[in-house]
């Protein structure tokens, strides 16, 4: 059976990258340069990948090396936080915490400032992106995600679910007319979101399982901008059903036919030992974002 390299090799590789040379890293690790160089060569050979491009003066990470370094950085931080928690024999949240959110509105939430105030030993790193990322490769501890989760190894916690319907303002319909069937929506200007891969969501779902292809007047990756464009009477958009109670001018078009069930979830990597700062953030963000969405 083939064995993967030990975690020590991972930490040595991290030290080489951060020191910028094998010699400097060897000094920091109390190793000889030949020993560290041999271990680095053995690491690359065991993985079958080139991790570093070497010149006489510099080291450059390959794409595989960059991914390994991100993972090594995350693992080293987790190990350090674990040892500190055990040494102090407490459950105080501490250490780096990287969170991914799909919209800047979520990143601007007071949740983060309140969390940082409550736990001053936690180092927050908030990434704003609506693109799906490999949580492990990106070193993400917790992600807030819209839509389906395709990786069954991830732990998901439902924050919010809602029906999403095709809607337009009464003023838009007065000017452009009312579509006489779900399929007729294809002939009207629509406000369309880009999905997490950057592609426009022009195929709108029908309750029958089929889809209808709509014509975008405006494309955006920003949910808030899409909502405001529909409110401004620029076209038809897929909005949460709760928007009807927030804007009396909105009209749901064929709500029994053009409908999608949307979900917002907290997603995180399963760990045998969940670090205190990760657990604390999950507990507080669950409650916070549920309240935020009810009042968006």
Protein backbone atom coordinates (compact mmCIF):
# COMPACT_ATOMS: atom_id res chain seq x y z
CA UNK A 1 0.00 0.00 0.00
CA UNK A 2 1.34 3.44 -0.95
CA UNK A 3 1.71 5.81 1.99
CA UNK A 4 1.34 9.57 1.77
CA UNK A 5 4.16 11.75 3.10
CA UNK A 6 4.01 12.66 6.78
CA UNK A 7 2.64 15.98 8.02
CA UNK A 8 6.23 16.97 8.87
CA UNK A 9 7.04 17.13 5.15
CA UNK A 10 4.06 19.44 4.69
CA UNK A 11 5.30 21.81 7.39
CA UNK A 12 8.84 21.71 6.00
CA UNK A 13 7.52 22.63 2.56
CA UNK A 14 5.61 25.54 4.11
CA UNK A 15 8.78 26.73 5.83
CA UNK A 16 10.73 26.65 2.54
CA UNK A 17 8.07 28.72 0.75
CA UNK A 18 7.89 31.31 3.51
CA UNK A 19 11.67 31.54 3.97
CA UNK A 20 12.22 31.92 0.24
CA UNK A 21 15.13 29.50 0.19
CA UNK A 22 16.03 26.01 1.33
CA UNK A 23 19.05 27.28 3.26
CA UNK A 24 17.07 29.78 5.33
CA UNK A 25 14.32 27.26 6.00
CA UNK A 26 16.91 24.64 7.05
CA UNK A 27 18.35 27.06 9.59
CA UNK A 28 14.87 27.77 11.01
CA UNK A 29 14.09 24.05 11.24
CA UNK A 30 17.51 23.14 12.69
CA UNK A 31 18.25 20.90 9.73
CA UNK A 32 21.15 20.78 7.31
CA UNK A 33 20.52 22.13 3.84
CA UNK A 34 21.20 18.73 2.14
CA UNK A 35 18.72 17.02 4.48
CA UNK A 36 15.93 19.50 3.78
CA UNK A 37 16.67 19.49 0.04
CA UNK A 38 16.53 15.68 -0.01
CA UNK A 39 13.22 15.65 1.88
CA UNK A 40 11.75 18.21 -0.53
CA UNK A 41 12.83 16.06 -3.49
CA UNK A 42 11.32 12.99 -1.85
CA UNK A 43 8.06 14.88 -1.26
CA UNK A 44 7.81 15.82 -4.94
CA UNK A 45 8.73 12.28 -6.01
CA UNK A 46 6.14 10.68 -3.72
CA UNK A 47 3.42 13.00 -5.05
CA UNK A 48 4.59 12.76 -8.65
CA UNK A 49 4.36 16.55 -8.89
CA UNK A 50 6.75 19.44 -9.20
CA UNK A 51 6.01 21.83 -6.34
CA UNK A 52 8.79 24.38 -6.77
CA UNK A 53 10.74 25.72 -9.70
CA UNK A 54 14.28 26.43 -8.54
CA UNK A 55 16.85 28.87 -9.90
CA UNK A 56 20.23 29.72 -8.42
CA UNK A 57 18.67 32.60 -6.50
CA UNK A 58 14.91 32.09 -6.24
CA UNK A 59 12.13 29.57 -5.70
CA UNK A 60 8.81 29.78 -7.55
CA UNK A 61 5.66 27.86 -6.69
CA UNK A 62 4.07 25.75 -9.40
CA UNK A 63 0.22 25.59 -9.53
CA UNK A 64 0.38 22.33 -7.54
CA UNK A 65 2.77 23.99 -5.10
CA UNK A 66 0.41 26.93 -4.58
CA UNK A 67 -2.47 24.59 -3.74
CA UNK A 68 -0.32 22.56 -1.37
CA UNK A 69 0.93 25.72 0.34
CA UNK A 70 -2.64 26.96 0.97
CA UNK A 71 -3.52 23.62 2.53
CA UNK A 72 -0.29 23.52 4.53
CA UNK A 73 -0.95 27.04 5.84
CA UNK A 74 -4.44 26.02 6.97
CA UNK A 75 -3.26 22.79 8.58
CA UNK A 76 -0.42 24.53 10.42
CA UNK A 77 -2.83 27.15 11.78
CA UNK A 78 -5.26 24.46 12.95
CA UNK A 79 -2.48 22.46 14.60
CA UNK A 80 -1.19 25.57 16.35
CA UNK A 81 -4.68 26.54 17.57
CA UNK A 82 -5.33 22.98 18.77
CA UNK A 83 -2.10 22.78 20.78
CA UNK A 84 -2.75 26.18 22.32
CA UNK A 85 -6.29 25.20 23.33
CA UNK A 86 -5.10 21.94 24.86
CA UNK A 87 -2.11 23.54 26.58
CA UNK A 88 -4.29 26.20 28.13
CA UNK A 89 -6.94 23.53 28.75
CA UNK A 90 -9.72 25.93 27.86
CA UNK A 91 -12.36 26.31 25.21
CA UNK A 92 -11.62 29.93 24.33
CA UNK A 93 -11.94 30.65 20.59
CA UNK A 94 -8.58 31.65 19.11
CA UNK A 95 -6.67 31.44 15.84
CA UNK A 96 -7.33 32.24 12.15
CA UNK A 97 -10.86 31.88 10.80
CA UNK A 98 -11.52 32.14 7.06
CA UNK A 99 -15.15 32.63 5.99
CA UNK A 100 -16.58 32.78 2.47
CA UNK A 101 -19.76 34.77 1.73
CA UNK A 102 -21.49 35.21 -1.64
CA UNK A 103 -22.43 38.90 -1.36
CA UNK A 104 -20.76 42.01 0.03
CA UNK A 105 -23.93 42.71 2.04
CA UNK A 106 -23.23 39.56 4.04
CA UNK A 107 -19.60 40.61 4.55
CA UNK A 108 -20.68 44.05 5.74
CA UNK A 109 -22.94 42.51 8.37
CA UNK A 110 -22.34 43.54 11.95
CA UNK A 111 -22.01 39.84 12.73
CA UNK A 112 -18.30 40.08 11.97
CA UNK A 113 -17.56 43.18 14.01
CA UNK A 114 -19.55 41.81 16.95
CA UNK A 115 -17.78 38.45 16.68
CA UNK A 116 -14.35 40.12 16.52
CA UNK A 117 -15.20 42.20 19.58
CA UNK A 118 -16.41 39.19 21.54
CA UNK A 119 -13.43 37.03 20.55
CA UNK A 120 -10.35 39.26 20.23
CA UNK A 121 -8.00 36.27 19.81
CA UNK A 122 -9.70 35.17 16.57
CA UNK A 123 -8.13 36.46 13.33
CA UNK A 124 -10.94 36.92 10.78
CA UNK A 125 -10.39 36.56 7.04
CA UNK A 126 -13.61 37.21 5.06
CA UNK A 127 -13.67 36.24 1.38
CA UNK A 128 -16.45 37.67 -0.81
CA UNK A 129 -17.16 35.52 -3.87
CA UNK A 130 -20.22 33.96 -5.46
CA UNK A 131 -18.08 31.34 -7.19
CA UNK A 132 -18.01 27.82 -5.82
CA UNK A 133 -14.63 26.96 -4.38
CA UNK A 134 -13.04 23.85 -2.95
CA UNK A 135 -13.24 24.66 0.76
CA UNK A 136 -10.26 22.48 1.61
CA UNK A 137 -8.05 23.83 -1.17
CA UNK A 138 -8.96 27.44 -0.36
CA UNK A 139 -8.53 26.98 3.38
CA UNK A 140 -12.13 28.04 4.03
CA UNK A 141 -13.44 27.14 7.48
CA UNK A 142 -17.09 28.14 6.94
CA UNK A 143 -18.91 29.16 3.76
CA UNK A 144 -22.33 30.70 3.24
CA UNK A 145 -23.68 29.12 0.05
CA UNK A 146 -26.78 29.55 -2.11
CA UNK A 147 -28.11 26.57 -4.04
CA UNK A 148 -27.10 22.94 -4.20
CA UNK A 149 -24.14 21.41 -2.38
CA UNK A 150 -22.59 18.75 -4.57
CA UNK A 151 -19.88 17.50 -2.21
CA UNK A 152 -21.46 14.90 0.14
CA UNK A 153 -18.43 15.04 2.46
CA UNK A 154 -19.29 18.61 3.53
CA UNK A 155 -21.48 19.37 6.53
CA UNK A 156 -24.42 21.65 5.74
CA UNK A 157 -26.67 23.61 8.06
CA UNK A 158 -29.82 25.12 6.57
CA UNK A 159 -30.18 28.84 7.22
CA UNK A 160 -33.10 29.72 5.00
CA UNK A 161 -35.31 28.28 2.27
CA UNK A 162 -37.80 30.14 0.15
CA UNK A 163 -39.79 29.84 -3.04
CA UNK A 164 -38.42 32.02 -5.83
CA UNK A 165 -40.96 33.32 -8.34
CA UNK A 166 -40.98 35.34 -11.54
CA UNK A 167 -42.00 38.90 -10.62
CA UNK A 168 -42.40 42.31 -12.17
CA UNK A 169 -43.76 45.65 -11.01
CA UNK A 170 -47.27 46.75 -11.87
CA UNK A 171 -45.79 49.73 -13.72
CA UNK A 172 -43.66 47.47 -15.92
CA UNK A 173 -46.67 45.30 -16.77
CA UNK A 174 -48.82 48.37 -17.46
CA UNK A 175 -46.26 49.56 -19.99
CA UNK A 176 -45.29 46.25 -21.60
CA UNK A 177 -48.40 44.14 -21.07
CA UNK A 178 -49.06 40.97 -19.10
CA UNK A 179 -47.66 37.70 -20.49
CA UNK A 180 -50.55 35.36 -21.24
CA UNK A 181 -48.64 32.17 -20.40
CA UNK A 182 -45.44 31.14 -18.62
CA UNK A 183 -43.78 30.58 -21.98
CA UNK A 184 -44.63 34.15 -23.03
CA UNK A 185 -42.18 35.48 -20.40
CA UNK A 186 -39.48 34.66 -22.96
CA UNK A 187 -40.67 37.64 -25.03
CA UNK A 188 -40.17 40.18 -22.22
CA UNK A 189 -37.08 41.93 -20.88
CA UNK A 190 -35.69 40.02 -17.88
CA UNK A 191 -33.18 40.74 -15.14
CA UNK A 192 -30.90 37.72 -14.87
CA UNK A 193 -28.39 36.61 -12.24
CA UNK A 194 -25.08 34.97 -13.02
CA UNK A 195 -24.56 31.73 -11.15
CA UNK A 196 -21.58 30.72 -9.01
CA UNK A 197 -19.66 29.72 -12.14
CA UNK A 198 -20.26 33.09 -13.76
CA UNK A 199 -22.82 31.82 -16.28
CA UNK A 200 -26.15 33.64 -16.79
CA UNK A 201 -29.17 31.82 -15.35
CA UNK A 202 -31.28 32.22 -18.47
CA UNK A 203 -33.06 28.89 -18.04
CA UNK A 204 -35.86 29.58 -15.59
CA UNK A 205 -37.51 26.57 -13.92
CA UNK A 206 -41.07 25.39 -14.46
CA UNK A 207 -43.02 23.28 -11.98
CA UNK A 208 -43.39 20.68 -14.72
CA UNK A 209 -39.65 20.06 -14.63
CA UNK A 210 -39.04 21.86 -17.90
CA UNK A 211 -37.39 25.27 -18.29
CA UNK A 212 -38.00 28.39 -20.33
CA UNK A 213 -35.15 30.42 -21.82
CA UNK A 214 -35.48 34.12 -21.03
CA UNK A 215 -34.03 37.23 -22.67
CA UNK A 216 -31.73 39.23 -20.38
CA UNK A 217 -31.97 42.99 -20.43
CA UNK A 218 -29.53 43.13 -17.53
CA UNK A 219 -27.05 40.53 -16.25
CA UNK A 220 -25.48 40.75 -12.80
CA UNK A 221 -23.79 38.56 -10.22
CA UNK A 222 -25.19 40.80 -7.49
CA UNK A 223 -28.47 39.67 -5.96
CA UNK A 224 -29.22 43.09 -4.47
CA UNK A 225 -28.71 44.83 -7.83
CA UNK A 226 -31.01 42.33 -9.52
CA UNK A 227 -33.73 43.03 -6.96
CA UNK A 228 -33.37 46.80 -7.35
CA UNK A 229 -33.52 46.52 -11.14
CA UNK A 230 -36.84 44.66 -10.91
CA UNK A 231 -38.13 47.22 -8.39
CA UNK A 232 -37.16 49.97 -10.85
CA UNK A 233 -39.41 48.44 -13.50
CA UNK A 234 -36.59 47.37 -15.83
CA UNK A 235 -37.84 43.84 -16.35
CA UNK A 236 -39.01 40.52 -14.92
CA UNK A 237 -36.80 38.78 -12.36
CA UNK A 238 -36.76 35.70 -10.16
CA UNK A 239 -37.25 37.05 -6.62
CA UNK A 240 -37.88 35.41 -3.24
CA UNK A 241 -41.60 35.07 -2.47
CA UNK A 242 -41.08 37.21 0.62
CA UNK A 243 -40.44 40.22 -1.66
CA UNK A 244 -44.19 40.43 -2.29
CA UNK A 245 -44.76 41.56 1.28
CA UNK A 246 -41.99 44.16 1.04
CA UNK A 247 -43.04 45.84 -2.20
CA UNK A 248 -46.77 46.23 -2.86
CA UNK A 249 -46.13 47.07 -6.53
CA UNK A 250 -44.75 43.59 -7.26
CA UNK A 251 -46.81 41.02 -9.13
CA UNK A 252 -45.96 37.30 -9.13
CA UNK A 253 -46.33 35.84 -12.62
CA UNK A 254 -47.68 32.28 -12.78
CA UNK A 255 -46.48 31.38 -9.26
CA UNK A 256 -47.72 27.80 -9.58
CA UNK A 257 -45.80 27.30 -12.83
CA UNK A 258 -42.61 29.41 -12.76
CA UNK A 259 -41.12 28.51 -9.38
CA UNK A 260 -37.86 27.41 -7.82
CA UNK A 261 -37.02 26.31 -4.28
CA UNK A 262 -33.90 28.15 -3.11
CA UNK A 263 -31.72 27.35 -0.11
CA UNK A 264 -29.07 29.22 1.83
CA UNK A 265 -26.75 27.05 3.90
CA UNK A 266 -23.73 27.21 6.13
CA UNK A 267 -21.18 24.74 4.81
CA UNK A 268 -18.06 23.49 6.54
CA UNK A 269 -15.61 20.62 6.46
CA UNK A 270 -16.26 17.76 8.85
CA UNK A 271 -13.54 17.44 11.46
CA UNK A 272 -13.06 14.92 14.29
CA UNK A 273 -12.28 17.85 16.56
CA UNK A 274 -14.00 21.11 15.69
CA UNK A 275 -11.94 24.01 16.94
CA UNK A 276 -13.66 26.34 19.41
CA UNK A 277 -13.50 29.43 17.17
CA UNK A 278 -15.12 27.58 14.26
CA UNK A 279 -17.87 26.22 16.50
CA UNK A 280 -18.51 29.66 18.01
CA UNK A 281 -18.84 31.29 14.60
CA UNK A 282 -21.25 28.64 13.30
CA UNK A 283 -23.48 29.05 16.35
CA UNK A 284 -23.66 32.85 16.07
CA UNK A 285 -23.91 33.11 12.30
CA UNK A 286 -26.79 30.63 12.12
CA UNK A 287 -29.00 32.86 14.26
CA UNK A 288 -27.74 36.12 12.76
CA UNK A 289 -28.24 35.30 9.08
CA UNK A 290 -31.69 33.81 9.65
CA UNK A 291 -32.74 37.13 11.18
CA UNK A 292 -30.93 39.10 8.43
CA UNK A 293 -32.76 37.29 5.65
CA UNK A 294 -36.14 37.70 7.31
CA UNK A 295 -35.57 41.46 7.30
CA UNK A 296 -33.54 42.01 4.10
